[in-house]
Protein backbone atom coordinates (compact mmCIF):
# COMPACT_ATOMS: atom_id res chain seq x y z
CA MET A 1 270.87 -33.31 105.83
CA LEU A 2 268.40 -31.23 107.78
CA ALA A 3 266.23 -34.27 108.42
CA LYS A 4 269.18 -36.34 109.64
CA ASP A 5 270.79 -33.60 111.72
CA VAL A 6 267.73 -31.89 113.23
CA LEU A 7 264.40 -33.55 112.60
CA LYS A 8 265.13 -37.23 113.17
CA ASN A 9 264.05 -38.21 116.69
CA GLY A 10 263.36 -34.56 117.55
CA VAL A 11 260.83 -33.49 120.16
CA TRP A 12 259.61 -29.90 120.39
CA LYS A 13 257.16 -28.30 122.79
CA SER A 14 255.97 -25.69 120.29
CA THR A 15 256.13 -24.71 116.65
CA LYS A 16 258.28 -21.72 117.61
CA GLN A 17 260.82 -24.01 119.26
CA LEU A 18 261.00 -26.13 116.10
CA VAL A 19 261.38 -23.07 113.86
CA ASP A 20 264.07 -21.61 116.13
CA GLN A 21 266.05 -24.85 116.03
CA ILE A 22 265.80 -25.09 112.24
CA MET A 23 266.91 -21.48 111.79
CA GLU A 24 269.86 -22.00 114.16
CA TYR A 25 270.85 -25.12 112.19
CA ILE A 26 270.74 -23.15 108.93
CA ARG A 27 272.89 -20.33 110.35
CA THR A 28 275.45 -22.76 111.79
CA TYR A 29 275.50 -24.88 108.63
CA ASN A 30 276.07 -21.85 106.41
CA GLU A 31 278.91 -20.57 108.60
CA GLN A 32 280.73 -23.84 109.24
CA ARG A 33 279.84 -26.59 106.78
CA ALA A 34 278.46 -25.09 103.58
CA ALA A 35 280.42 -26.00 100.46
CA PRO A 36 279.45 -26.80 96.89
CA PHE A 37 278.55 -30.41 96.22
CA LYS A 38 280.97 -32.33 94.04
CA TRP A 39 278.96 -34.21 91.42
CA THR A 40 280.36 -37.61 90.53
CA TYR A 41 277.83 -38.74 87.91
CA ALA A 42 279.60 -39.14 84.56
CA GLY A 43 276.42 -39.01 82.49
CA LYS A 44 276.70 -42.57 81.22
CA ILE A 45 273.88 -45.07 81.47
CA ARG A 46 274.78 -48.71 82.00
CA VAL A 47 272.54 -51.11 80.11
CA VAL A 48 272.18 -54.55 81.64
């Protein structure tokens, strides 16, 4: 998610700018979007 939302096609002028953007993404994600993943795998292997 981080790669898709922040890193893909990103351009930064310094390492600090990159780190600041990542940290802001993490703060925003945790406040607005964070939720447990719902696993859908049933644990069965299909043999072909």
